[in-house]
């Protein structure tokens, strides 16, 4: 598939995946999520508490 400028790549997992891990794992405030695309760079997002 050819990606064009402005295309959005949505990723994720079905709800409940974290609870199925041993031990269960969930994102918490203070965690950081990073996605890197070689040759482009890294997108870094902090996990914050919902307000």
Protein backbone atom coordinates (compact mmCIF):
# COMPACT_ATOMS: atom_id res chain seq x y z
CA UNK A 1 0.00 0.00 0.00
CA UNK A 2 1.33 3.44 -0.85
CA UNK A 3 0.94 6.08 1.83
CA UNK A 4 0.38 9.65 0.77
CA UNK A 5 1.06 12.85 2.73
CA UNK A 6 -1.79 13.38 5.17
CA UNK A 7 -2.72 9.69 5.41
CA UNK A 8 -3.56 8.61 8.96
CA UNK A 9 -2.30 5.31 10.32
CA UNK A 10 -4.55 4.23 13.19
CA UNK A 11 -3.27 1.44 15.41
CA UNK A 12 -4.41 -0.03 18.65
CA UNK A 13 -5.78 -3.14 20.22
CA UNK A 14 -9.20 -4.40 21.22
CA UNK A 15 -10.40 -3.33 24.64
CA UNK A 16 -9.58 -5.80 27.37
CA UNK A 17 -6.15 -6.81 26.04
CA UNK A 18 -4.33 -5.42 29.09
CA UNK A 19 -6.52 -7.34 31.51
CA UNK A 20 -5.67 -10.60 29.71
CA UNK A 21 -1.92 -10.21 30.35
CA UNK A 22 -0.22 -11.96 33.26
CA UNK A 23 0.06 -9.83 35.30
CA UNK A 24 -2.52 -7.37 33.91
CA UNK A 25 -0.90 -4.25 32.39
CA UNK A 26 -2.49 -0.87 31.77
CA UNK A 27 -1.22 2.58 30.80
CA UNK A 28 -1.03 4.94 33.76
CA UNK A 29 -0.47 8.67 34.13
CA UNK A 30 3.27 9.27 33.83
CA UNK A 31 3.77 6.55 31.20
CA UNK A 32 4.97 7.54 27.73
CA UNK A 33 3.87 6.05 24.41
CA UNK A 34 6.31 6.35 21.50
CA UNK A 35 5.93 5.41 17.84
CA UNK A 36 8.98 5.56 15.58
CA UNK A 37 9.04 5.51 11.79
CA UNK A 38 12.55 5.00 10.44
CA UNK A 39 13.69 7.95 8.37
CA UNK A 40 10.87 10.16 9.65
CA UNK A 41 11.16 10.37 13.41
CA UNK A 42 9.47 9.56 16.69
CA UNK A 43 6.07 10.67 17.97
CA UNK A 44 6.03 10.81 21.78
CA UNK A 45 2.83 11.16 23.82
CA UNK A 46 2.65 11.32 27.60
CA UNK A 47 -0.19 9.53 29.36
CA UNK A 48 -2.05 11.97 31.62
CA UNK A 49 -4.92 11.62 34.05
CA UNK A 50 -8.38 12.23 32.53
CA UNK A 51 -9.94 15.48 33.68
